[in-house]
């Protein structure tokens, strides 16, 4: 049995590379969840028959759903920015030049956005439960179920962002 030449044996990746890759995967998963939630919430409509014609209800008609949309959009902007930084960091092995300020930006940005996503999730679930309980029209059930689905996926995005926030806080003491 022959052993391969030393040049063909790849050393295992360093711990830093693994953690950077995990951070990138978390950011990508967050963005994917936010995009799916955005699509669900923006396409959420219902049509009710009435004596005066049909009434179309859209997500914009409920203020809490507009807040959910705002948190998704803000999360997406931050998520795309941080995903681009993470891709650069993983592929090059270097961070964008900015010194320790970028570590603090990651730390505080991740915390802020994860809290924002959490409040969007809570607002979406809260108004859905309240309106569904007060609703006696079965035609609106699909509308509320879609809103609940969007909030559920937003909850997943929050979880991924919260884990990413923990990872960014772990890298902070090394730099401070």
N, C-alpha and C. Protein backbone atom coordinates (compact mmCIF):
# COMPACT_ATOMS: atom_id res chain seq x y z
N UNK A 1 0.85 -1.18 0.00
CA UNK A 1 0.00 0.00 0.00
C UNK A 1 0.89 1.23 0.00
N UNK A 2 0.58 2.12 -0.92
CA UNK A 2 1.40 3.32 -1.02
C UNK A 2 0.68 4.50 -0.40
N UNK A 3 1.43 5.36 0.16
CA UNK A 3 0.86 6.58 0.72
C UNK A 3 0.94 7.67 -0.32
N UNK A 4 -0.07 8.53 -0.36
CA UNK A 4 -0.02 9.61 -1.34
C UNK A 4 1.10 10.59 -1.00
N UNK A 5 1.60 11.27 -2.00
CA UNK A 5 2.66 12.24 -1.72
C UNK A 5 2.14 13.34 -0.79
N UNK A 6 3.01 13.93 0.00
CA UNK A 6 2.59 14.94 0.97
C UNK A 6 1.84 16.12 0.35
N UNK A 7 2.12 16.45 -0.88
CA UNK A 7 1.47 17.62 -1.48
C UNK A 7 -0.01 17.38 -1.76
N UNK A 8 -0.43 16.09 -1.86
CA UNK A 8 -1.83 15.83 -2.16
C UNK A 8 -2.70 15.68 -0.90
N UNK A 9 -2.09 15.62 0.26
CA UNK A 9 -2.86 15.53 1.51
C UNK A 9 -3.21 16.94 1.95
N UNK A 10 -4.51 17.17 2.11
CA UNK A 10 -4.94 18.50 2.54
C UNK A 10 -5.08 18.52 4.05
N UNK A 11 -4.50 19.50 4.68
CA UNK A 11 -4.66 19.59 6.13
C UNK A 11 -6.10 19.97 6.47
N UNK A 12 -6.55 19.61 7.66
CA UNK A 12 -7.91 20.00 8.03
C UNK A 12 -8.00 21.52 8.14
N UNK A 13 -9.17 22.07 7.87
CA UNK A 13 -9.30 23.52 7.97
C UNK A 13 -9.12 23.99 9.41
N UNK A 14 -8.61 25.19 9.54
CA UNK A 14 -8.41 25.72 10.89
C UNK A 14 -9.76 26.04 11.52
N UNK A 15 -9.75 26.19 12.82
CA UNK A 15 -10.97 26.51 13.55
C UNK A 15 -11.54 27.84 13.09
N UNK A 16 -10.68 28.80 12.80
CA UNK A 16 -11.15 30.11 12.36
C UNK A 16 -11.90 30.01 11.04
N UNK A 17 -11.40 29.18 10.12
CA UNK A 17 -12.07 29.01 8.83
C UNK A 17 -13.44 28.37 9.02
N UNK A 18 -13.49 27.39 9.90
CA UNK A 18 -14.77 26.71 10.16
C UNK A 18 -15.78 27.69 10.73
N UNK A 19 -15.39 28.51 11.71
CA UNK A 19 -16.32 29.46 12.32
C UNK A 19 -16.74 30.54 11.34
N UNK A 20 -15.81 30.99 10.48
CA UNK A 20 -16.18 31.97 9.45
C UNK A 20 -17.20 31.37 8.49
N UNK A 21 -17.00 30.09 8.14
CA UNK A 21 -17.94 29.41 7.24
C UNK A 21 -19.30 29.23 7.89
N UNK A 22 -19.31 28.89 9.17
CA UNK A 22 -20.58 28.75 9.89
C UNK A 22 -21.30 30.10 9.93
N UNK A 23 -20.56 31.16 10.19
CA UNK A 23 -21.16 32.50 10.19
C UNK A 23 -21.75 32.86 8.84
N UNK A 24 -21.05 32.50 7.76
CA UNK A 24 -21.57 32.76 6.42
C UNK A 24 -22.85 31.97 6.17
N UNK A 25 -22.86 30.71 6.55
CA UNK A 25 -24.06 29.87 6.35
C UNK A 25 -25.24 30.46 7.13
N UNK A 26 -24.99 30.89 8.36
CA UNK A 26 -26.07 31.50 9.15
C UNK A 26 -26.62 32.75 8.50
N UNK A 27 -25.74 33.57 7.96
CA UNK A 27 -26.18 34.80 7.30
C UNK A 27 -26.97 34.49 6.03
N UNK A 28 -26.52 33.50 5.27
CA UNK A 28 -27.25 33.11 4.07
C UNK A 28 -28.63 32.55 4.43
N UNK A 29 -28.69 31.71 5.46
CA UNK A 29 -29.98 31.17 5.89
C UNK A 29 -30.92 32.29 6.36
N UNK A 30 -30.37 33.28 7.04
CA UNK A 30 -31.18 34.42 7.49
C UNK A 30 -31.77 35.15 6.29
N UNK A 31 -30.94 35.42 5.29
CA UNK A 31 -31.40 36.14 4.10
C UNK A 31 -32.46 35.32 3.36
N UNK A 32 -32.24 34.02 3.24
CA UNK A 32 -33.22 33.16 2.56
C UNK A 32 -34.56 33.20 3.29
N UNK A 33 -34.53 33.07 4.60
CA UNK A 33 -35.78 33.13 5.38
C UNK A 33 -36.47 34.48 5.23
N UNK A 34 -35.69 35.54 5.22
CA UNK A 34 -36.28 36.87 5.07
C UNK A 34 -36.91 37.06 3.69
N UNK A 35 -36.26 36.56 2.66
CA UNK A 35 -36.82 36.67 1.30
C UNK A 35 -38.13 35.89 1.21
N UNK A 36 -38.14 34.67 1.75
CA UNK A 36 -39.37 33.87 1.72
C UNK A 36 -40.48 34.56 2.50
N UNK A 37 -40.16 35.08 3.67
CA UNK A 37 -41.15 35.79 4.48
C UNK A 37 -41.66 37.04 3.75
N UNK A 38 -40.77 37.74 3.08
CA UNK A 38 -41.15 38.92 2.30
C UNK A 38 -42.13 38.55 1.20
N UNK A 39 -41.85 37.48 0.49
CA UNK A 39 -42.74 37.06 -0.59
C UNK A 39 -44.12 36.68 -0.04
N UNK A 40 -44.13 35.95 1.06
CA UNK A 40 -45.41 35.52 1.62
C UNK A 40 -46.24 36.71 2.11
N UNK A 41 -45.61 37.62 2.83
CA UNK A 41 -46.38 38.72 3.41
C UNK A 41 -46.84 39.71 2.33
N UNK A 42 -46.03 39.95 1.31
CA UNK A 42 -46.43 40.93 0.29
C UNK A 42 -47.47 40.38 -0.68
N UNK A 43 -47.59 39.07 -0.77
CA UNK A 43 -48.61 38.49 -1.65
C UNK A 43 -49.87 38.10 -0.89
N UNK A 44 -49.96 38.47 0.36
CA UNK A 44 -51.08 38.07 1.19
C UNK A 44 -52.28 38.99 0.96
N UNK A 45 -53.32 38.45 0.35
CA UNK A 45 -54.56 39.18 0.13
C UNK A 45 -55.74 38.25 0.36
N UNK A 46 -56.89 38.85 0.55
CA UNK A 46 -58.14 38.08 0.67
C UNK A 46 -59.25 38.92 0.06
N UNK A 47 -60.24 38.23 -0.49
CA UNK A 47 -61.39 38.90 -1.08
C UNK A 47 -62.65 38.43 -0.36
N UNK A 48 -63.41 39.40 0.12
CA UNK A 48 -64.64 39.10 0.85
C UNK A 48 -65.85 39.56 0.04
N UNK A 49 -66.85 38.72 -0.05
CA UNK A 49 -68.08 39.18 -0.72
C UNK A 49 -68.88 40.07 0.25
N UNK A 50 -69.54 41.05 -0.30
CA UNK A 50 -70.40 41.91 0.52
C UNK A 50 -71.59 42.34 -0.32
N UNK A 51 -72.50 43.04 0.30
CA UNK A 51 -73.67 43.55 -0.42
C UNK A 51 -73.31 44.63 -1.43
N UNK A 52 -72.17 45.25 -1.26
CA UNK A 52 -71.75 46.35 -2.12
C UNK A 52 -70.69 45.92 -3.12
N UNK A 53 -70.46 44.65 -3.28
CA UNK A 53 -69.41 44.14 -4.17
C UNK A 53 -68.36 43.40 -3.35
N UNK A 54 -67.27 43.15 -3.97
CA UNK A 54 -66.21 42.43 -3.27
C UNK A 54 -65.25 43.41 -2.61
N UNK A 55 -64.81 43.03 -1.43
CA UNK A 55 -63.86 43.84 -0.68
C UNK A 55 -62.53 43.09 -0.67
N UNK A 56 -61.49 43.77 -1.14
CA UNK A 56 -60.16 43.15 -1.17
C UNK A 56 -59.36 43.64 0.04
N UNK A 57 -58.86 42.68 0.79
CA UNK A 57 -58.05 43.00 1.96
C UNK A 57 -56.61 42.61 1.65
N UNK A 58 -55.70 43.54 1.90
CA UNK A 58 -54.28 43.31 1.66
C UNK A 58 -53.52 43.43 2.97
N UNK A 59 -52.30 42.97 2.97
CA UNK A 59 -51.51 43.05 4.20
C UNK A 59 -51.31 44.49 4.64
N UNK A 60 -51.28 45.43 3.69
CA UNK A 60 -51.06 46.84 4.03
C UNK A 60 -52.20 47.41 4.87
N UNK A 61 -53.34 46.76 4.84
CA UNK A 61 -54.49 47.25 5.59
C UNK A 61 -54.36 47.02 7.10
N UNK A 62 -53.40 46.22 7.50
CA UNK A 62 -53.16 45.94 8.92
C UNK A 62 -51.80 46.55 9.28
N UNK A 63 -51.82 47.53 10.18
CA UNK A 63 -50.59 48.25 10.50
C UNK A 63 -49.49 47.35 11.03
N UNK A 64 -49.84 46.35 11.81
CA UNK A 64 -48.82 45.45 12.35
C UNK A 64 -48.13 44.67 11.23
N UNK A 65 -48.86 44.35 10.18
CA UNK A 65 -48.23 43.66 9.05
C UNK A 65 -47.29 44.59 8.29
N UNK A 66 -47.59 45.87 8.29
CA UNK A 66 -46.65 46.83 7.69
C UNK A 66 -45.37 46.90 8.51
N UNK A 67 -45.51 46.79 9.83
CA UNK A 67 -44.33 46.75 10.69
C UNK A 67 -43.52 45.48 10.42
N UNK A 68 -44.20 44.36 10.25
CA UNK A 68 -43.52 43.11 9.92
C UNK A 68 -42.74 43.29 8.63
N UNK A 69 -43.36 43.91 7.62
CA UNK A 69 -42.68 44.16 6.35
C UNK A 69 -41.46 45.06 6.55
N UNK A 70 -41.60 46.09 7.35
CA UNK A 70 -40.47 46.99 7.60
C UNK A 70 -39.30 46.25 8.26
N UNK A 71 -39.60 45.39 9.22
CA UNK A 71 -38.51 44.65 9.87
C UNK A 71 -37.85 43.69 8.88
N UNK A 72 -38.64 43.10 8.00
CA UNK A 72 -38.07 42.20 6.99
C UNK A 72 -37.15 42.97 6.06
N UNK A 73 -37.59 44.12 5.58
CA UNK A 73 -36.79 44.90 4.64
C UNK A 73 -35.50 45.39 5.30
N UNK A 74 -35.58 45.89 6.52
CA UNK A 74 -34.37 46.33 7.23
C UNK A 74 -33.44 45.15 7.46
N UNK A 75 -34.00 44.01 7.85
CA UNK A 75 -33.19 42.80 8.03
C UNK A 75 -32.54 42.36 6.74
N UNK A 76 -33.24 42.48 5.62
CA UNK A 76 -32.66 42.10 4.33
C UNK A 76 -31.51 43.01 3.93
N UNK A 77 -31.67 44.30 4.11
CA UNK A 77 -30.59 45.23 3.77
C UNK A 77 -29.34 44.89 4.59
N UNK A 78 -29.52 44.73 5.88
CA UNK A 78 -28.40 44.37 6.75
C UNK A 78 -27.87 42.99 6.39
N UNK A 79 -28.76 42.05 6.13
CA UNK A 79 -28.34 40.69 5.80
C UNK A 79 -27.53 40.61 4.53
N UNK A 80 -27.96 41.33 3.48
CA UNK A 80 -27.20 41.33 2.23
C UNK A 80 -25.82 41.96 2.43
N UNK A 81 -25.77 43.06 3.18
CA UNK A 81 -24.49 43.72 3.46
C UNK A 81 -23.55 42.78 4.22
N UNK A 82 -24.05 42.18 5.28
CA UNK A 82 -23.21 41.31 6.09
C UNK A 82 -22.85 40.02 5.35
N UNK A 83 -23.74 39.52 4.50
CA UNK A 83 -23.42 38.33 3.72
C UNK A 83 -22.29 38.63 2.74
N UNK A 84 -22.33 39.79 2.12
CA UNK A 84 -21.24 40.17 1.21
C UNK A 84 -19.92 40.26 1.98
N UNK A 85 -19.94 40.87 3.16
CA UNK A 85 -18.72 40.94 3.98
C UNK A 85 -18.25 39.55 4.37
N UNK A 86 -19.18 38.68 4.73
CA UNK A 86 -18.83 37.32 5.15
C UNK A 86 -18.25 36.51 3.99
N UNK A 87 -18.81 36.68 2.81
CA UNK A 87 -18.26 35.97 1.64
C UNK A 87 -16.83 36.42 1.40
N UNK A 88 -16.60 37.71 1.45
CA UNK A 88 -15.25 38.23 1.27
C UNK A 88 -14.31 37.69 2.35
N UNK A 89 -14.79 37.66 3.57
CA UNK A 89 -13.97 37.20 4.69
C UNK A 89 -13.62 35.72 4.55
N UNK A 90 -14.57 34.90 4.14
CA UNK A 90 -14.32 33.47 4.00
C UNK A 90 -13.41 33.19 2.81
N UNK A 91 -13.65 33.85 1.68
CA UNK A 91 -12.87 33.55 0.48
C UNK A 91 -11.45 34.09 0.55
N UNK A 92 -11.28 35.27 1.13
CA UNK A 92 -9.94 35.86 1.16
C UNK A 92 -9.18 35.56 2.45
N UNK A 93 -9.91 35.27 3.51
CA UNK A 93 -9.27 35.06 4.80
C UNK A 93 -9.02 36.36 5.55
N UNK A 94 -9.32 37.48 4.92
CA UNK A 94 -9.12 38.79 5.53
C UNK A 94 -10.45 39.51 5.65
N UNK A 95 -10.52 40.37 6.62
CA UNK A 95 -11.70 41.23 6.74
C UNK A 95 -11.47 42.49 5.94
N UNK A 96 -12.56 43.14 5.57
CA UNK A 96 -12.46 44.42 4.89
C UNK A 96 -11.77 45.38 5.84
N UNK A 97 -10.89 46.19 5.31
CA UNK A 97 -10.08 47.07 6.14
C UNK A 97 -10.99 48.03 6.92
N UNK A 98 -10.90 47.98 8.20
CA UNK A 98 -11.72 48.82 9.05
C UNK A 98 -11.35 48.63 10.50
N UNK A 99 -10.36 47.78 10.72
CA UNK A 99 -9.89 47.55 12.08
C UNK A 99 -10.95 46.94 12.97
N UNK A 100 -10.86 47.29 14.24
CA UNK A 100 -11.78 46.74 15.23
C UNK A 100 -13.19 47.30 15.09
N UNK A 101 -13.35 48.40 14.36
CA UNK A 101 -14.67 49.00 14.20
C UNK A 101 -15.65 48.04 13.54
N UNK A 102 -15.17 47.22 12.62
CA UNK A 102 -16.07 46.27 11.96
C UNK A 102 -16.51 45.16 12.89
N UNK A 103 -15.67 44.79 13.84
CA UNK A 103 -16.09 43.80 14.83
C UNK A 103 -17.21 44.35 15.71
N UNK A 104 -17.09 45.63 16.06
CA UNK A 104 -18.15 46.27 16.84
C UNK A 104 -19.41 46.45 16.00
N UNK A 105 -19.24 46.77 14.71
CA UNK A 105 -20.40 46.89 13.81
C UNK A 105 -21.13 45.55 13.73
N UNK A 106 -20.38 44.46 13.57
CA UNK A 106 -20.99 43.12 13.55
C UNK A 106 -21.72 42.84 14.85
N UNK A 107 -21.05 43.11 15.95
CA UNK A 107 -21.62 42.81 17.27
C UNK A 107 -22.92 43.58 17.51
N UNK A 108 -22.86 44.91 17.40
CA UNK A 108 -24.04 45.73 17.69
C UNK A 108 -25.09 45.62 16.59
N UNK A 109 -24.66 45.51 15.35
CA UNK A 109 -25.61 45.35 14.25
C UNK A 109 -26.40 44.06 14.37
N UNK A 110 -25.70 42.96 14.67
CA UNK A 110 -26.38 41.67 14.83
C UNK A 110 -27.37 41.72 15.99
N UNK A 111 -26.97 42.33 17.08
CA UNK A 111 -27.89 42.45 18.23
C UNK A 111 -29.13 43.25 17.85
N UNK A 112 -28.92 44.42 17.25
CA UNK A 112 -30.02 45.29 16.90
C UNK A 112 -30.97 44.62 15.91
N UNK A 113 -30.43 44.04 14.87
CA UNK A 113 -31.28 43.42 13.85
C UNK A 113 -31.99 42.19 14.41
N UNK A 114 -31.33 41.41 15.24
CA UNK A 114 -32.02 40.24 15.81
C UNK A 114 -33.17 40.68 16.71
N UNK A 115 -32.98 41.75 17.48
CA UNK A 115 -34.10 42.26 18.30
C UNK A 115 -35.22 42.80 17.42
N UNK A 116 -34.86 43.47 16.35
CA UNK A 116 -35.86 44.00 15.42
C UNK A 116 -36.66 42.86 14.79
N UNK A 117 -35.97 41.80 14.37
CA UNK A 117 -36.67 40.65 13.80
C UNK A 117 -37.57 39.99 14.84
N UNK A 118 -37.12 39.96 16.08
CA UNK A 118 -37.94 39.37 17.14
C UNK A 118 -39.21 40.19 17.36
N UNK A 119 -39.11 41.51 17.33
CA UNK A 119 -40.30 42.33 17.53
C UNK A 119 -41.24 42.22 16.33
N UNK A 120 -40.68 42.09 15.13
CA UNK A 120 -41.52 41.88 13.95
C UNK A 120 -42.26 40.56 14.03
N UNK A 121 -41.57 39.53 14.50
CA UNK A 121 -42.21 38.23 14.69
C UNK A 121 -43.34 38.33 15.70
N UNK A 122 -43.07 38.97 16.82
CA UNK A 122 -44.10 39.11 17.86
C UNK A 122 -45.30 39.91 17.37
N UNK A 123 -45.04 40.98 16.63
CA UNK A 123 -46.15 41.78 16.10
C UNK A 123 -46.98 40.98 15.12
N UNK A 124 -46.31 40.22 14.27
CA UNK A 124 -47.04 39.41 13.29
C UNK A 124 -47.89 38.34 13.94
N UNK A 125 -47.31 37.63 14.89
CA UNK A 125 -48.08 36.59 15.58
C UNK A 125 -49.20 37.20 16.42
N UNK A 126 -48.90 38.29 17.11
CA UNK A 126 -49.88 38.91 18.00
C UNK A 126 -51.11 39.40 17.27
N UNK A 127 -50.92 40.15 16.20
CA UNK A 127 -52.08 40.68 15.47
C UNK A 127 -52.82 39.56 14.76
N UNK A 128 -52.11 38.54 14.30
CA UNK A 128 -52.78 37.43 13.64
C UNK A 128 -53.70 36.70 14.61
N UNK A 129 -53.21 36.43 15.80
CA UNK A 129 -54.04 35.73 16.80
C UNK A 129 -55.23 36.60 17.20
N UNK A 130 -54.99 37.88 17.44
CA UNK A 130 -56.09 38.77 17.84
C UNK A 130 -57.15 38.88 16.75
N UNK A 131 -56.73 39.10 15.53
CA UNK A 131 -57.70 39.27 14.45
C UNK A 131 -58.39 37.96 14.09
N UNK A 132 -57.67 36.86 14.19
CA UNK A 132 -58.28 35.57 13.88
C UNK A 132 -59.35 35.22 14.92
N UNK A 133 -59.07 35.55 16.19
CA UNK A 133 -60.06 35.30 17.24
C UNK A 133 -61.31 36.18 17.07
N UNK A 134 -61.11 37.41 16.61
CA UNK A 134 -62.23 38.33 16.45
C UNK A 134 -62.97 38.10 15.14
N UNK A 135 -62.40 37.31 14.27
CA UNK A 135 -62.97 37.10 12.93
C UNK A 135 -63.98 35.96 12.95
N UNK A 136 -65.10 36.21 12.31
CA UNK A 136 -66.11 35.14 12.18
C UNK A 136 -66.28 34.74 10.71
N UNK A 137 -65.50 35.36 9.83
CA UNK A 137 -65.61 35.09 8.40
C UNK A 137 -64.54 34.07 8.02
N UNK A 138 -64.96 32.92 7.55
CA UNK A 138 -64.00 31.87 7.22
C UNK A 138 -63.18 32.21 5.99
N UNK A 139 -63.62 33.16 5.18
CA UNK A 139 -62.87 33.56 4.00
C UNK A 139 -61.54 34.22 4.37
N UNK A 140 -61.44 34.72 5.59
CA UNK A 140 -60.20 35.36 6.03
C UNK A 140 -59.21 34.39 6.66
N UNK A 141 -59.61 33.14 6.85
CA UNK A 141 -58.69 32.18 7.47
C UNK A 141 -57.41 32.01 6.68
N UNK A 142 -57.52 31.93 5.35
CA UNK A 142 -56.34 31.77 4.51
C UNK A 142 -55.42 32.99 4.64
N UNK A 143 -56.02 34.17 4.71
CA UNK A 143 -55.26 35.42 4.88
C UNK A 143 -54.45 35.37 6.17
N UNK A 144 -55.10 34.97 7.26
CA UNK A 144 -54.41 34.93 8.55
C UNK A 144 -53.40 33.78 8.61
N UNK A 145 -53.68 32.68 7.95
CA UNK A 145 -52.73 31.56 7.92
C UNK A 145 -51.46 31.93 7.17
N UNK A 146 -51.61 32.69 6.06
CA UNK A 146 -50.42 33.14 5.33
C UNK A 146 -49.62 34.13 6.17
N UNK A 147 -50.29 35.00 6.89
CA UNK A 147 -49.59 35.94 7.75
C UNK A 147 -48.86 35.20 8.87
N UNK A 148 -49.48 34.17 9.38
CA UNK A 148 -48.84 33.35 10.41
C UNK A 148 -47.63 32.61 9.85
N UNK A 149 -47.73 32.15 8.61
CA UNK A 149 -46.59 31.48 7.97
C UNK A 149 -45.43 32.45 7.78
N UNK A 150 -45.74 33.67 7.35
CA UNK A 150 -44.69 34.68 7.18
C UNK A 150 -44.02 34.98 8.52
N UNK A 151 -44.80 35.07 9.58
CA UNK A 151 -44.24 35.32 10.90
C UNK A 151 -43.40 34.14 11.39
N UNK A 152 -43.81 32.93 11.05
CA UNK A 152 -43.05 31.74 11.45
C UNK A 152 -41.69 31.71 10.78
N UNK A 153 -41.66 32.05 9.50
CA UNK A 153 -40.38 32.07 8.79
C UNK A 153 -39.53 33.24 9.28
N UNK A 154 -40.17 34.33 9.63
CA UNK A 154 -39.44 35.45 10.24
C UNK A 154 -38.84 35.03 11.58
N UNK A 155 -39.55 34.18 12.31
CA UNK A 155 -39.01 33.64 13.56
C UNK A 155 -37.74 32.83 13.29
N UNK A 156 -37.74 32.03 12.24
CA UNK A 156 -36.52 31.28 11.87
C UNK A 156 -35.38 32.23 11.54
N UNK A 157 -35.69 33.30 10.81
CA UNK A 157 -34.66 34.29 10.48
C UNK A 157 -34.10 34.91 11.76
N UNK A 158 -34.97 35.20 12.72
CA UNK A 158 -34.51 35.72 14.01
C UNK A 158 -33.58 34.74 14.70
N UNK A 159 -33.93 33.46 14.69
CA UNK A 159 -33.09 32.45 15.36
C UNK A 159 -31.71 32.39 14.71
N UNK A 160 -31.68 32.38 13.38
CA UNK A 160 -30.39 32.35 12.69
C UNK A 160 -29.58 33.61 12.99
N UNK A 161 -30.24 34.77 13.02
CA UNK A 161 -29.54 36.02 13.31
C UNK A 161 -29.07 36.05 14.76
N UNK A 162 -29.85 35.49 15.68
CA UNK A 162 -29.44 35.46 17.08
C UNK A 162 -28.20 34.58 17.26
N UNK A 163 -28.16 33.44 16.57
CA UNK A 163 -26.98 32.58 16.64
C UNK A 163 -25.78 33.30 16.03
N UNK A 164 -26.00 33.99 14.93
CA UNK A 164 -24.93 34.79 14.31
C UNK A 164 -24.46 35.87 15.27
N UNK A 165 -25.40 36.45 16.01
CA UNK A 165 -25.06 37.47 17.00
C UNK A 165 -24.16 36.89 18.10
N UNK A 166 -24.45 35.67 18.49
CA UNK A 166 -23.60 35.02 19.50
C UNK A 166 -22.20 34.80 18.95
N UNK A 167 -22.11 34.36 17.70
CA UNK A 167 -20.79 34.17 17.10
C UNK A 167 -20.01 35.47 17.00
N UNK A 168 -20.70 36.56 16.63
CA UNK A 168 -20.00 37.84 16.54
C UNK A 168 -19.56 38.33 17.91
N UNK A 169 -20.32 37.97 18.95
CA UNK A 169 -19.90 38.38 20.30
C UNK A 169 -18.72 37.55 20.78
N UNK A 170 -18.60 36.31 20.29
CA UNK A 170 -17.45 35.49 20.67
C UNK A 170 -16.15 35.99 20.06
N UNK A 171 -16.22 36.60 18.88
CA UNK A 171 -15.00 37.11 18.26
C UNK A 171 -14.60 38.47 18.80
N UNK A 172 -15.50 39.12 19.50
CA UNK A 172 -15.22 40.47 20.00
C UNK A 172 -14.14 40.53 21.07
N UNK A 173 -14.15 39.66 22.10
CA UNK A 173 -13.13 39.79 23.13
C UNK A 173 -11.71 39.62 22.62
N UNK A 174 -11.54 38.90 21.53
CA UNK A 174 -10.21 38.71 20.96
C UNK A 174 -9.66 40.01 20.39
N UNK A 175 -10.56 40.92 20.04
CA UNK A 175 -10.15 42.16 19.39
C UNK A 175 -10.13 43.35 20.34
N UNK A 176 -10.92 43.30 21.39
CA UNK A 176 -11.04 44.47 22.28
C UNK A 176 -9.83 44.62 23.16
